[in-house]
Amino acid sequence: MQQGMLPNLESLSKEGCFNRLGTTLPALSPVAWSTFQTGVNPGAHNIFDFLTRDKRTCMPEMASTEIVKRARSFLGKLLFPKRKKEEVRITRRSKPFWSLLGERGIFSNVIRVPISYPPEKFNGNLLSAMCTPDLRGSQGTFSYFTTEKKSGAQDAEGGERYPLETNGSALKGRLCGPPEQGSKGLIAVDFWIS
């Protein structure tokens, strides 16, 4: 800014103010990001942790989204689904600032803001980030490729462990992806590194 290379930020610094940004209570990433998006506290936006509990089973589940099962209705002895498919909904209660901007006709590109899945409709584009499910429907894990034989410490490593075979100076492995439709296995691709 001192070199005159950032005129917009320089103008903002002259008109605005600078303060340290405090965190949320609890000081957890999904809580803080939801507060950043909405400008309200956890009591208003309803995100208190990564996980919450299912009120029926007490099992843990993602706090940021819920899967709404098909509702069914009876007509005499016949059972009809009300919705055509299951629906994933965001559990955050307050509106994010980009929705408020969109309501005022201001287009926004929102890139990789955590706790924004599933994307809500607004005047703009949104690419969700943390807590977006992967192609397996999970929150993801990492792949650990190694030439080492299995050891007792394998469980402590975490992730998914995949063996690499050595052939001279080349390595051969298998990259696994999401489940293959109509099969119990995963889509897999062999690869070679030389």
N, C-alpha and C. Protein backbone atom coordinates (compact mmCIF):
# COMPACT_ATOMS: atom_id res chain seq x y z
N MET A 1 0.83 -1.19 0.00
CA MET A 1 0.00 0.00 0.00
C MET A 1 0.87 1.25 0.00
N GLN A 2 1.98 1.21 0.71
CA GLN A 2 2.85 2.38 0.80
C GLN A 2 3.45 2.73 -0.56
N GLN A 3 3.56 1.74 -1.44
CA GLN A 3 4.14 1.97 -2.77
C GLN A 3 3.08 2.37 -3.79
N GLY A 4 1.82 2.50 -3.37
CA GLY A 4 0.74 2.89 -4.26
C GLY A 4 0.25 1.79 -5.18
N MET A 5 0.57 0.53 -4.86
CA MET A 5 0.21 -0.60 -5.71
C MET A 5 -1.19 -1.15 -5.39
N LEU A 6 -1.74 -0.79 -4.24
CA LEU A 6 -3.04 -1.32 -3.81
C LEU A 6 -3.97 -0.16 -3.47
N PRO A 7 -4.44 0.58 -4.47
CA PRO A 7 -5.24 1.79 -4.18
C PRO A 7 -6.56 1.49 -3.48
N ASN A 8 -7.21 0.39 -3.80
CA ASN A 8 -8.49 0.08 -3.15
C ASN A 8 -8.30 -0.24 -1.67
N LEU A 9 -7.27 -1.03 -1.36
CA LEU A 9 -7.01 -1.34 0.05
C LEU A 9 -6.55 -0.09 0.80
N GLU A 10 -5.79 0.76 0.13
CA GLU A 10 -5.35 2.01 0.76
C GLU A 10 -6.54 2.90 1.10
N SER A 11 -7.49 3.01 0.17
CA SER A 11 -8.70 3.80 0.41
C SER A 11 -9.50 3.22 1.57
N LEU A 12 -9.62 1.90 1.59
CA LEU A 12 -10.36 1.24 2.67
C LEU A 12 -9.67 1.48 4.01
N SER A 13 -8.35 1.44 4.03
CA SER A 13 -7.63 1.63 5.30
C SER A 13 -7.81 3.04 5.84
N LYS A 14 -8.00 4.02 4.97
CA LYS A 14 -8.20 5.40 5.41
C LYS A 14 -9.61 5.63 5.94
N GLU A 15 -10.58 4.89 5.39
CA GLU A 15 -11.99 5.07 5.79
C GLU A 15 -12.40 4.14 6.92
N GLY A 16 -11.79 2.97 7.00
CA GLY A 16 -12.21 1.96 7.95
C GLY A 16 -11.41 1.99 9.22
N CYS A 17 -11.39 0.85 9.89
CA CYS A 17 -10.62 0.73 11.12
C CYS A 17 -9.98 -0.66 11.15
N PHE A 18 -9.03 -0.85 12.04
CA PHE A 18 -8.36 -2.12 12.19
C PHE A 18 -8.53 -2.58 13.62
N ASN A 19 -9.02 -3.79 13.79
CA ASN A 19 -9.15 -4.40 15.11
C ASN A 19 -8.78 -5.86 15.01
N ARG A 20 -8.32 -6.42 16.10
CA ARG A 20 -8.09 -7.85 16.14
C ARG A 20 -9.45 -8.54 16.13
N LEU A 21 -9.54 -9.60 15.37
CA LEU A 21 -10.78 -10.35 15.27
C LEU A 21 -10.77 -11.46 16.31
N GLY A 22 -11.71 -11.42 17.21
CA GLY A 22 -11.82 -12.47 18.21
C GLY A 22 -12.45 -13.72 17.61
N THR A 23 -12.30 -14.83 18.28
CA THR A 23 -12.88 -16.07 17.77
C THR A 23 -14.21 -16.33 18.45
N THR A 24 -14.79 -17.45 18.13
CA THR A 24 -16.09 -17.83 18.66
C THR A 24 -15.93 -18.69 19.90
N LEU A 25 -17.02 -18.92 20.56
CA LEU A 25 -17.05 -19.83 21.68
C LEU A 25 -18.16 -20.84 21.40
N PRO A 26 -17.84 -22.09 21.15
CA PRO A 26 -16.53 -22.71 21.22
C PRO A 26 -15.65 -22.31 20.04
N ALA A 27 -14.34 -22.31 20.29
CA ALA A 27 -13.37 -21.89 19.28
C ALA A 27 -13.05 -23.05 18.35
N LEU A 28 -14.02 -23.42 17.53
CA LEU A 28 -13.87 -24.52 16.57
C LEU A 28 -14.11 -23.99 15.17
N SER A 29 -13.43 -24.57 14.21
CA SER A 29 -13.48 -24.09 12.84
C SER A 29 -14.89 -23.96 12.26
N PRO A 30 -15.76 -24.99 12.35
CA PRO A 30 -17.09 -24.83 11.74
C PRO A 30 -17.92 -23.74 12.42
N VAL A 31 -17.70 -23.55 13.71
CA VAL A 31 -18.43 -22.51 14.45
C VAL A 31 -17.95 -21.13 13.98
N ALA A 32 -16.63 -20.96 13.90
CA ALA A 32 -16.06 -19.68 13.49
C ALA A 32 -16.44 -19.34 12.05
N TRP A 33 -16.37 -20.32 11.14
CA TRP A 33 -16.72 -20.05 9.74
C TRP A 33 -18.20 -19.71 9.59
N SER A 34 -19.05 -20.36 10.35
CA SER A 34 -20.49 -20.05 10.29
C SER A 34 -20.76 -18.65 10.81
N THR A 35 -20.02 -18.24 11.84
CA THR A 35 -20.15 -16.88 12.37
C THR A 35 -19.63 -15.87 11.35
N PHE A 36 -18.51 -16.18 10.69
CA PHE A 36 -17.98 -15.31 9.64
C PHE A 36 -19.01 -15.11 8.53
N GLN A 37 -19.66 -16.19 8.12
CA GLN A 37 -20.64 -16.12 7.02
C GLN A 37 -21.86 -15.29 7.37
N THR A 38 -22.33 -15.44 8.60
CA THR A 38 -23.64 -14.89 8.97
C THR A 38 -23.57 -13.64 9.85
N GLY A 39 -22.47 -13.45 10.55
CA GLY A 39 -22.36 -12.32 11.45
C GLY A 39 -23.12 -12.50 12.75
N VAL A 40 -23.57 -13.72 13.03
CA VAL A 40 -24.30 -13.99 14.28
C VAL A 40 -23.57 -15.05 15.09
N ASN A 41 -23.94 -15.19 16.35
CA ASN A 41 -23.27 -16.15 17.23
C ASN A 41 -23.82 -17.57 17.02
N PRO A 42 -23.18 -18.59 17.60
CA PRO A 42 -23.63 -19.97 17.40
C PRO A 42 -25.07 -20.22 17.83
N GLY A 43 -25.55 -19.50 18.83
CA GLY A 43 -26.94 -19.67 19.24
C GLY A 43 -27.91 -19.28 18.15
N ALA A 44 -27.52 -18.37 17.27
CA ALA A 44 -28.38 -17.94 16.17
C ALA A 44 -28.17 -18.77 14.91
N HIS A 45 -26.92 -19.19 14.62
CA HIS A 45 -26.72 -19.96 13.38
C HIS A 45 -26.79 -21.47 13.58
N ASN A 46 -26.77 -21.97 14.81
CA ASN A 46 -27.03 -23.38 15.11
C ASN A 46 -25.86 -24.32 14.82
N ILE A 47 -24.66 -23.83 14.62
CA ILE A 47 -23.50 -24.70 14.42
C ILE A 47 -22.61 -24.55 15.65
N PHE A 48 -22.44 -25.66 16.41
CA PHE A 48 -21.69 -25.63 17.65
C PHE A 48 -20.44 -26.51 17.63
N ASP A 49 -20.30 -27.35 16.58
CA ASP A 49 -19.19 -28.31 16.53
C ASP A 49 -19.18 -28.94 15.14
N PHE A 50 -18.21 -29.80 14.89
CA PHE A 50 -18.23 -30.59 13.65
C PHE A 50 -19.37 -31.60 13.69
N LEU A 51 -19.61 -32.14 14.88
CA LEU A 51 -20.61 -33.20 15.04
C LEU A 51 -21.72 -32.77 15.97
N THR A 52 -22.85 -33.42 15.79
CA THR A 52 -23.97 -33.31 16.72
C THR A 52 -24.46 -34.73 16.94
N ARG A 53 -25.53 -34.90 17.66
CA ARG A 53 -26.03 -36.26 17.85
C ARG A 53 -27.40 -36.39 17.22
N ASP A 54 -27.66 -37.56 16.71
CA ASP A 54 -28.98 -37.88 16.20
C ASP A 54 -29.91 -37.99 17.41
N LYS A 55 -30.98 -37.22 17.41
CA LYS A 55 -31.86 -37.18 18.58
C LYS A 55 -32.58 -38.51 18.83
N ARG A 56 -32.70 -39.33 17.79
CA ARG A 56 -33.38 -40.63 17.96
C ARG A 56 -32.44 -41.72 18.44
N THR A 57 -31.20 -41.74 17.90
CA THR A 57 -30.29 -42.85 18.19
C THR A 57 -29.11 -42.45 19.08
N CYS A 58 -28.90 -41.15 19.27
CA CYS A 58 -27.75 -40.61 20.01
C CYS A 58 -26.41 -40.88 19.33
N MET A 59 -26.43 -41.34 18.08
CA MET A 59 -25.20 -41.56 17.32
C MET A 59 -24.71 -40.22 16.76
N PRO A 60 -23.39 -40.07 16.60
CA PRO A 60 -22.87 -38.81 16.05
C PRO A 60 -23.20 -38.67 14.57
N GLU A 61 -23.42 -37.44 14.14
CA GLU A 61 -23.64 -37.13 12.73
C GLU A 61 -23.10 -35.74 12.46
N MET A 62 -22.94 -35.41 11.18
CA MET A 62 -22.41 -34.10 10.80
C MET A 62 -23.35 -33.00 11.31
N ALA A 63 -22.78 -31.97 11.89
CA ALA A 63 -23.60 -30.87 12.42
C ALA A 63 -24.01 -29.89 11.34
N SER A 64 -23.26 -29.82 10.24
CA SER A 64 -23.52 -28.79 9.23
C SER A 64 -24.59 -29.16 8.22
N THR A 65 -24.90 -30.45 8.09
CA THR A 65 -25.91 -30.88 7.12
C THR A 65 -26.80 -31.95 7.73
N GLU A 66 -27.95 -32.13 7.10
CA GLU A 66 -28.82 -33.23 7.48
C GLU A 66 -29.37 -33.85 6.21
N ILE A 67 -29.57 -35.15 6.25
CA ILE A 67 -30.17 -35.85 5.12
C ILE A 67 -31.64 -36.06 5.46
N VAL A 68 -32.51 -35.47 4.66
CA VAL A 68 -33.94 -35.58 4.88
C VAL A 68 -34.42 -36.79 4.09
N LYS A 69 -34.92 -37.77 4.81
CA LYS A 69 -35.39 -39.00 4.17
C LYS A 69 -36.69 -38.73 3.42
N ARG A 70 -37.03 -39.64 2.56
CA ARG A 70 -38.28 -39.52 1.82
C ARG A 70 -39.46 -39.55 2.79
N ALA A 71 -40.30 -38.58 2.67
CA ALA A 71 -41.54 -38.60 3.45
C ALA A 71 -42.53 -39.49 2.72
N ARG A 72 -43.34 -40.21 3.46
CA ARG A 72 -44.32 -41.11 2.83
C ARG A 72 -45.71 -40.77 3.33
N SER A 73 -46.66 -41.03 2.49
CA SER A 73 -48.05 -40.80 2.90
C SER A 73 -48.89 -41.99 2.45
N PHE A 74 -49.91 -42.23 3.22
CA PHE A 74 -50.81 -43.34 2.92
C PHE A 74 -52.08 -42.82 2.27
N LEU A 75 -52.59 -43.56 1.31
CA LEU A 75 -53.90 -43.34 0.72
C LEU A 75 -54.58 -44.70 0.76
N GLY A 76 -55.38 -44.88 1.80
CA GLY A 76 -55.93 -46.21 2.01
C GLY A 76 -54.82 -47.16 2.39
N LYS A 77 -54.66 -48.25 1.63
CA LYS A 77 -53.60 -49.21 1.90
C LYS A 77 -52.34 -48.93 1.08
N LEU A 78 -52.39 -47.92 0.21
CA LEU A 78 -51.25 -47.61 -0.65
C LEU A 78 -50.31 -46.62 0.01
N LEU A 79 -49.03 -46.83 -0.18
CA LEU A 79 -48.00 -45.97 0.38
C LEU A 79 -47.33 -45.21 -0.75
N PHE A 80 -47.32 -43.87 -0.69
CA PHE A 80 -46.74 -43.04 -1.74
C PHE A 80 -45.63 -42.17 -1.16
N PRO A 81 -44.50 -42.07 -1.88
CA PRO A 81 -43.47 -41.12 -1.43
C PRO A 81 -43.89 -39.70 -1.79
N LYS A 82 -43.69 -38.76 -0.88
CA LYS A 82 -44.01 -37.35 -1.15
C LYS A 82 -42.90 -36.68 -1.94
N ARG A 83 -41.65 -37.01 -1.63
CA ARG A 83 -40.51 -36.46 -2.37
C ARG A 83 -39.93 -37.56 -3.23
N LYS A 84 -39.35 -37.16 -4.34
CA LYS A 84 -38.81 -38.14 -5.26
C LYS A 84 -37.51 -38.75 -4.77
N LYS A 85 -36.72 -38.01 -4.00
CA LYS A 85 -35.44 -38.54 -3.53
C LYS A 85 -35.06 -37.90 -2.20
N GLU A 86 -34.04 -38.47 -1.57
CA GLU A 86 -33.54 -37.87 -0.34
C GLU A 86 -32.91 -36.52 -0.66
N GLU A 87 -32.89 -35.68 0.34
CA GLU A 87 -32.41 -34.32 0.13
C GLU A 87 -31.40 -33.98 1.23
N VAL A 88 -30.31 -33.35 0.84
CA VAL A 88 -29.32 -32.89 1.81
C VAL A 88 -29.59 -31.41 2.06
N ARG A 89 -29.72 -31.04 3.33
CA ARG A 89 -29.98 -29.65 3.70
C ARG A 89 -28.89 -29.14 4.62
N ILE A 90 -28.60 -27.86 4.50
CA ILE A 90 -27.66 -27.23 5.42
C ILE A 90 -28.42 -26.91 6.71
N THR A 91 -27.78 -27.10 7.86
CA THR A 91 -28.47 -26.87 9.13
C THR A 91 -28.21 -25.47 9.70
N ARG A 92 -27.33 -24.71 9.05
CA ARG A 92 -27.08 -23.34 9.49
C ARG A 92 -28.36 -22.54 9.34
N ARG A 93 -28.75 -21.80 10.37
CA ARG A 93 -30.05 -21.11 10.37
C ARG A 93 -30.02 -19.72 9.76
N SER A 94 -28.97 -18.97 9.95
CA SER A 94 -28.95 -17.58 9.49
C SER A 94 -28.43 -17.48 8.06
N LYS A 95 -28.75 -16.37 7.40
CA LYS A 95 -28.32 -16.17 6.01
C LYS A 95 -26.86 -15.74 5.96
N PRO A 96 -26.10 -16.32 5.02
CA PRO A 96 -24.73 -15.84 4.84
C PRO A 96 -24.73 -14.48 4.13
N PHE A 97 -23.65 -13.75 4.27
CA PHE A 97 -23.61 -12.39 3.71
C PHE A 97 -23.77 -12.37 2.20
N TRP A 98 -23.33 -13.43 1.50
CA TRP A 98 -23.47 -13.43 0.04
C TRP A 98 -24.93 -13.54 -0.38
N SER A 99 -25.77 -14.19 0.42
CA SER A 99 -27.21 -14.22 0.11
C SER A 99 -27.82 -12.84 0.30
N LEU A 100 -27.40 -12.14 1.35
CA LEU A 100 -27.89 -10.77 1.58
C LEU A 100 -27.45 -9.84 0.46
N LEU A 101 -26.20 -10.00 0.00
CA LEU A 101 -25.73 -9.20 -1.14
C LEU A 101 -26.55 -9.52 -2.39
N GLY A 102 -26.81 -10.81 -2.61
CA GLY A 102 -27.60 -11.23 -3.77
C GLY A 102 -29.00 -10.65 -3.76
N GLU A 103 -29.61 -10.56 -2.58
CA GLU A 103 -30.95 -9.97 -2.47
C GLU A 103 -30.94 -8.49 -2.86
N ARG A 104 -29.79 -7.86 -2.77
CA ARG A 104 -29.65 -6.45 -3.14
C ARG A 104 -29.06 -6.28 -4.54
N GLY A 105 -29.05 -7.39 -5.30
CA GLY A 105 -28.60 -7.34 -6.69
C GLY A 105 -27.10 -7.35 -6.88
N ILE A 106 -26.35 -7.68 -5.84
CA ILE A 106 -24.88 -7.71 -5.95
C ILE A 106 -24.44 -9.15 -6.18
N PHE A 107 -23.84 -9.40 -7.32
CA PHE A 107 -23.35 -10.73 -7.70
C PHE A 107 -22.08 -11.04 -6.91
N SER A 108 -21.94 -12.28 -6.45
CA SER A 108 -20.76 -12.68 -5.67
C SER A 108 -20.21 -14.00 -6.18
N ASN A 109 -18.90 -14.13 -6.19
CA ASN A 109 -18.22 -15.41 -6.37
C ASN A 109 -17.65 -15.80 -5.02
N VAL A 110 -18.12 -16.90 -4.45
CA VAL A 110 -17.70 -17.34 -3.13
C VAL A 110 -16.88 -18.62 -3.34
N ILE A 111 -15.61 -18.57 -3.02
CA ILE A 111 -14.70 -19.66 -3.34
C ILE A 111 -14.19 -20.33 -2.07
N ARG A 112 -14.52 -21.60 -1.91
CA ARG A 112 -14.00 -22.49 -0.87
C ARG A 112 -14.17 -21.96 0.55
N VAL A 113 -15.35 -21.47 0.85
CA VAL A 113 -15.67 -21.09 2.23
C VAL A 113 -16.20 -22.34 2.93
N PRO A 114 -15.59 -22.74 4.05
CA PRO A 114 -16.05 -23.94 4.76
C PRO A 114 -17.49 -23.80 5.27
N ILE A 115 -18.11 -24.93 5.50
CA ILE A 115 -19.48 -25.04 6.04
C ILE A 115 -20.46 -24.31 5.12
N SER A 116 -20.32 -24.52 3.82
CA SER A 116 -21.24 -23.91 2.85
C SER A 116 -21.88 -24.96 1.95
N TYR A 117 -21.84 -26.23 2.38
CA TYR A 117 -22.44 -27.31 1.60
C TYR A 117 -23.72 -27.76 2.28
N PRO A 118 -24.79 -28.01 1.52
CA PRO A 118 -24.92 -27.82 0.08
C PRO A 118 -25.09 -26.34 -0.25
N PRO A 119 -24.60 -25.92 -1.42
CA PRO A 119 -24.72 -24.51 -1.79
C PRO A 119 -26.17 -24.07 -1.87
N GLU A 120 -26.45 -22.92 -1.31
CA GLU A 120 -27.80 -22.36 -1.38
C GLU A 120 -27.91 -21.50 -2.64
N LYS A 121 -29.10 -21.38 -3.18
CA LYS A 121 -29.30 -20.53 -4.35
C LYS A 121 -29.21 -19.07 -3.94
N PHE A 122 -28.45 -18.31 -4.71
CA PHE A 122 -28.32 -16.87 -4.50
C PHE A 122 -27.80 -16.26 -5.79
N ASN A 123 -27.69 -14.96 -5.85
CA ASN A 123 -27.22 -14.27 -7.04
C ASN A 123 -25.69 -14.34 -7.09
N GLY A 124 -25.17 -15.49 -7.53
CA GLY A 124 -23.73 -15.66 -7.60
C GLY A 124 -23.34 -17.11 -7.78
N ASN A 125 -22.06 -17.38 -7.60
CA ASN A 125 -21.50 -18.72 -7.70
C ASN A 125 -20.85 -19.08 -6.38
N LEU A 126 -20.94 -20.36 -6.00
CA LEU A 126 -20.34 -20.81 -4.75
C LEU A 126 -19.66 -22.15 -4.96
N LEU A 127 -18.41 -22.26 -4.54
CA LEU A 127 -17.68 -23.52 -4.53
C LEU A 127 -17.45 -23.87 -3.07
N SER A 128 -18.12 -24.91 -2.59
CA SER A 128 -18.04 -25.29 -1.17
C SER A 128 -16.66 -25.84 -0.83
N ALA A 129 -16.35 -25.87 0.46
CA ALA A 129 -15.05 -26.37 0.92
C ALA A 129 -15.26 -27.38 2.04
N MET A 130 -14.58 -27.19 3.16
CA MET A 130 -14.60 -28.13 4.28
C MET A 130 -16.03 -28.56 4.63
N CYS A 131 -16.17 -29.84 4.91
CA CYS A 131 -17.45 -30.50 5.23
C CYS A 131 -18.30 -30.74 3.99
N THR A 132 -17.69 -30.67 2.81
CA THR A 132 -18.34 -31.10 1.58
C THR A 132 -18.01 -32.57 1.40
N PRO A 133 -19.01 -33.44 1.22
CA PRO A 133 -18.69 -34.86 1.09
C PRO A 133 -17.91 -35.16 -0.19
N ASP A 134 -17.08 -36.20 -0.12
CA ASP A 134 -16.36 -36.63 -1.31
C ASP A 134 -17.24 -37.58 -2.12
N LEU A 135 -16.68 -38.15 -3.19
CA LEU A 135 -17.47 -39.03 -4.06
C LEU A 135 -17.90 -40.32 -3.37
N ARG A 136 -17.30 -40.63 -2.23
CA ARG A 136 -17.73 -41.81 -1.47
C ARG A 136 -18.83 -41.46 -0.47
N GLY A 137 -19.17 -40.18 -0.39
CA GLY A 137 -20.18 -39.74 0.56
C GLY A 137 -19.63 -39.55 1.96
N SER A 138 -18.31 -39.56 2.09
CA SER A 138 -17.68 -39.38 3.40
C SER A 138 -17.04 -38.00 3.48
N GLN A 139 -16.44 -37.69 4.61
CA GLN A 139 -15.73 -36.42 4.76
C GLN A 139 -14.30 -36.53 4.28
N GLY A 140 -13.98 -37.65 3.66
CA GLY A 140 -12.68 -37.80 3.04
C GLY A 140 -11.62 -38.34 3.98
N THR A 141 -10.59 -38.84 3.38
CA THR A 141 -9.43 -39.34 4.10
C THR A 141 -8.24 -39.16 3.16
N PHE A 142 -7.08 -39.50 3.62
CA PHE A 142 -5.93 -39.41 2.74
C PHE A 142 -5.47 -40.80 2.34
N SER A 143 -4.77 -40.88 1.23
CA SER A 143 -4.20 -42.13 0.75
C SER A 143 -2.72 -42.13 1.07
N TYR A 144 -2.26 -43.24 1.61
CA TYR A 144 -0.87 -43.39 2.00
C TYR A 144 -0.27 -44.50 1.15
N PHE A 145 0.58 -44.13 0.18
CA PHE A 145 1.21 -45.09 -0.71
C PHE A 145 2.61 -45.39 -0.17
N THR A 146 2.94 -46.68 -0.02
CA THR A 146 4.22 -47.04 0.58
C THR A 146 4.75 -48.34 0.01
N THR A 147 6.08 -48.46 0.02
CA THR A 147 6.73 -49.72 -0.36
C THR A 147 6.99 -50.56 0.88
N GLU A 148 6.75 -50.02 2.06
CA GLU A 148 6.98 -50.75 3.31
C GLU A 148 5.93 -51.84 3.49
N LYS A 149 6.36 -52.93 4.06
CA LYS A 149 5.42 -54.02 4.37
C LYS A 149 4.54 -53.58 5.53
N LYS A 150 3.39 -54.23 5.66
CA LYS A 150 2.48 -53.88 6.76
C LYS A 150 3.19 -54.05 8.09
N SER A 151 2.90 -53.13 8.99
CA SER A 151 3.52 -53.19 10.31
C SER A 151 2.44 -53.02 11.37
N GLY A 152 2.81 -53.24 12.61
CA GLY A 152 1.87 -53.07 13.70
C GLY A 152 1.46 -51.62 13.89
N ALA A 153 2.28 -50.70 13.37
CA ALA A 153 1.99 -49.27 13.50
C ALA A 153 1.02 -48.78 12.44
N GLN A 154 0.55 -49.68 11.58
CA GLN A 154 -0.32 -49.27 10.47
C GLN A 154 -1.56 -48.53 10.95
N ASP A 155 -2.18 -49.01 12.01
CA ASP A 155 -3.41 -48.37 12.49
C ASP A 155 -3.16 -46.94 12.96
N ALA A 156 -1.96 -46.67 13.47
CA ALA A 156 -1.66 -45.34 13.98
C ALA A 156 -1.45 -44.33 12.85
N GLU A 157 -1.19 -44.83 11.64
CA GLU A 157 -0.94 -43.93 10.52
C GLU A 157 -2.20 -43.23 10.06
N GLY A 158 -3.35 -43.90 10.15
CA GLY A 158 -4.60 -43.34 9.65
C GLY A 158 -4.65 -43.40 8.14
N GLY A 159 -5.67 -42.84 7.55
CA GLY A 159 -5.81 -42.83 6.10
C GLY A 159 -6.02 -44.22 5.54
N GLU A 160 -5.88 -44.33 4.23
CA GLU A 160 -5.97 -45.61 3.56
C GLU A 160 -4.59 -45.97 3.03
N ARG A 161 -4.10 -47.12 3.43
CA ARG A 161 -2.74 -47.54 3.09
C ARG A 161 -2.79 -48.37 1.82
N TYR A 162 -1.98 -47.99 0.82
CA TYR A 162 -1.92 -48.72 -0.44
C TYR A 162 -0.48 -49.13 -0.71
N PRO A 163 -0.26 -50.38 -1.09
CA PRO A 163 1.10 -50.83 -1.37
C PRO A 163 1.60 -50.33 -2.72
N LEU A 164 2.90 -50.06 -2.78
CA LEU A 164 3.58 -49.75 -4.03
C LEU A 164 4.57 -50.87 -4.30
N GLU A 165 4.55 -51.39 -5.52
CA GLU A 165 5.51 -52.42 -5.91
C GLU A 165 6.66 -51.75 -6.63
N THR A 166 7.88 -52.20 -6.34
CA THR A 166 9.04 -51.64 -7.03
C THR A 166 9.46 -52.58 -8.15
N ASN A 167 9.84 -51.99 -9.26
CA ASN A 167 10.34 -52.73 -10.41
C ASN A 167 11.50 -51.92 -10.97
N GLY A 168 12.70 -52.18 -10.45
CA GLY A 168 13.85 -51.37 -10.82
C GLY A 168 13.69 -49.98 -10.25
N SER A 169 13.67 -48.98 -11.11
CA SER A 169 13.49 -47.60 -10.66
C SER A 169 12.04 -47.14 -10.77
N ALA A 170 11.15 -48.05 -11.17
CA ALA A 170 9.73 -47.71 -11.33
C ALA A 170 8.91 -48.20 -10.14
N LEU A 171 7.79 -47.52 -9.90
CA LEU A 171 6.84 -47.91 -8.86
C LEU A 171 5.49 -48.16 -9.51
N LYS A 172 4.80 -49.18 -9.03
CA LYS A 172 3.46 -49.49 -9.54
C LYS A 172 2.50 -49.48 -8.36
N GLY A 173 1.34 -48.85 -8.55
CA GLY A 173 0.34 -48.81 -7.49
C GLY A 173 -1.06 -48.78 -8.06
N ARG A 174 -2.02 -48.68 -7.17
CA ARG A 174 -3.43 -48.64 -7.57
C ARG A 174 -4.09 -47.50 -6.82
N LEU A 175 -4.79 -46.65 -7.57
CA LEU A 175 -5.51 -45.51 -7.02
C LEU A 175 -6.99 -45.87 -6.98
N CYS A 176 -7.58 -45.84 -5.79
CA CYS A 176 -9.00 -46.22 -5.63
C CYS A 176 -9.85 -44.97 -5.45
N GLY A 177 -11.04 -45.01 -6.04
CA GLY A 177 -11.95 -43.89 -5.98
C GLY A 177 -13.27 -44.26 -5.34
N PRO A 178 -14.37 -43.73 -5.86
CA PRO A 178 -15.69 -43.98 -5.29
C PRO A 178 -16.19 -45.38 -5.66
N PRO A 179 -17.28 -45.83 -5.04
CA PRO A 179 -17.85 -47.13 -5.38
C PRO A 179 -18.27 -47.19 -6.84
N GLU A 180 -18.07 -48.35 -7.43
CA GLU A 180 -18.49 -48.56 -8.81
C GLU A 180 -19.96 -48.96 -8.81
N GLN A 181 -20.77 -48.30 -9.62
CA GLN A 181 -22.20 -48.61 -9.66
C GLN A 181 -22.42 -50.05 -10.08
N GLY A 182 -23.32 -50.73 -9.40
CA GLY A 182 -23.64 -52.11 -9.73
C GLY A 182 -22.60 -53.09 -9.24
N SER A 183 -21.67 -52.64 -8.40
CA SER A 183 -20.60 -53.50 -7.90
C SER A 183 -20.38 -53.18 -6.43
N LYS A 184 -19.79 -54.12 -5.72
CA LYS A 184 -19.46 -53.86 -4.31
C LYS A 184 -18.07 -53.26 -4.16
N GLY A 185 -17.32 -53.21 -5.27
CA GLY A 185 -15.96 -52.69 -5.23
C GLY A 185 -15.88 -51.21 -5.54
N LEU A 186 -14.64 -50.71 -5.47
CA LEU A 186 -14.38 -49.31 -5.78
C LEU A 186 -13.82 -49.19 -7.19
N ILE A 187 -14.04 -48.06 -7.83
CA ILE A 187 -13.40 -47.79 -9.11
C ILE A 187 -11.91 -47.66 -8.82
N ALA A 188 -11.09 -48.37 -9.57
CA ALA A 188 -9.65 -48.36 -9.32
C ALA A 188 -8.89 -48.21 -10.64
N VAL A 189 -7.77 -47.52 -10.57
CA VAL A 189 -6.91 -47.30 -11.73
C VAL A 189 -5.48 -47.63 -11.33
N ASP A 190 -4.82 -48.48 -12.13
CA ASP A 190 -3.41 -48.78 -11.89
C ASP A 190 -2.56 -47.62 -12.41
N PHE A 191 -1.45 -47.35 -11.73
CA PHE A 191 -0.55 -46.30 -12.20
C PHE A 191 0.90 -46.74 -12.02
N TRP A 192 1.77 -46.14 -12.82
CA TRP A 192 3.20 -46.40 -12.77
C TRP A 192 3.93 -45.08 -12.64
N ILE A 193 4.96 -45.05 -11.82
CA ILE A 193 5.81 -43.87 -11.67
C ILE A 193 7.23 -44.30 -12.00
N SER A 194 7.86 -43.60 -12.92
CA SER A 194 9.24 -43.96 -13.25
C SER A 194 10.13 -42.73 -13.21
